Amino acid sequence: MTIDELVYRRVVRAPRALVWRCLTEPAELAQFWGPRGMTTPFEGIVVELHAGAGSRP
């Protein structure tokens, strides 16, 4: 792992399409990310899905 790399592993018992939506749509990601009870404002979440892309909080 490098300083600009994030490795995220989580086992989820859910359909693949649902997990993808939860990780790529800001409103869903805000509910899916982090531990129970944590709130994440989704207004500032940007998800860029293309080769060489990153994400910004």
Protein backbone atom coordinates (compact mmCIF):
# COMPACT_ATOMS: atom_id res chain seq x y z
CA MET A 1 0.00 0.00 0.00
CA THR A 2 1.28 3.47 -0.87
CA ILE A 3 0.58 6.76 0.88
CA ASP A 4 -2.13 7.67 -1.67
CA GLU A 5 -3.84 4.27 -1.71
CA LEU A 6 -6.83 3.11 0.29
CA VAL A 7 -7.62 -0.56 0.75
CA TYR A 8 -11.16 -1.16 1.93
CA ARG A 9 -12.41 -4.65 2.66
CA ARG A 10 -15.82 -5.52 4.00
CA VAL A 11 -17.89 -8.68 3.79
CA VAL A 12 -21.52 -7.86 3.06
CA ARG A 13 -24.34 -10.32 2.58
CA ALA A 14 -26.23 -8.42 -0.07
CA PRO A 15 -26.72 -8.49 -3.84
CA ARG A 16 -23.72 -7.14 -5.75
CA ALA A 17 -25.81 -4.43 -7.46
CA LEU A 18 -27.02 -3.10 -4.11
CA VAL A 19 -23.48 -2.97 -2.70
CA TRP A 20 -22.27 -1.17 -5.84
CA ARG A 21 -25.05 1.41 -5.49
CA CYS A 22 -24.23 1.91 -1.81
CA LEU A 23 -20.57 2.57 -2.65
CA THR A 24 -21.12 4.81 -5.68
CA GLU A 25 -24.15 7.00 -4.96
CA PRO A 26 -23.36 9.76 -2.44
CA ALA A 27 -26.70 9.59 -0.59
CA GLU A 28 -26.37 5.82 -0.20
CA LEU A 29 -22.66 5.99 0.63
CA ALA A 30 -23.37 8.42 3.46
CA GLN A 31 -25.57 5.77 5.10
CA PHE A 32 -23.36 2.79 4.24
CA TRP A 33 -19.92 4.19 5.19
CA GLY A 34 -18.60 4.02 8.73
CA PRO A 35 -19.76 2.37 11.93
CA ARG A 36 -23.33 2.29 13.20
CA GLY A 37 -24.43 5.55 14.73
CA MET A 38 -22.00 7.65 12.68
CA THR A 39 -23.41 10.35 10.42
CA THR A 40 -21.77 11.37 7.15
CA PRO A 41 -23.04 14.45 5.32
CA PHE A 42 -23.43 13.43 1.67
CA GLU A 43 -23.55 16.93 0.18
CA GLY A 44 -19.75 17.05 -0.21
CA ILE A 45 -19.16 13.47 -1.36
CA VAL A 46 -17.82 13.16 -4.91
CA VAL A 47 -17.37 9.72 -6.48
CA GLU A 48 -15.39 9.59 -9.75
CA LEU A 49 -15.52 6.20 -11.44
CA HIS A 50 -13.03 6.03 -14.29
CA ALA A 51 -9.47 4.85 -14.78
CA GLY A 52 -7.08 6.95 -12.70
CA ALA A 53 -9.92 8.56 -10.78
CA GLY A 54 -10.00 9.36 -7.13
CA SER A 55 -12.62 10.38 -4.65
CA ARG A 56 -12.88 13.49 -2.55
CA PRO A 57 -14.54 13.76 0.89
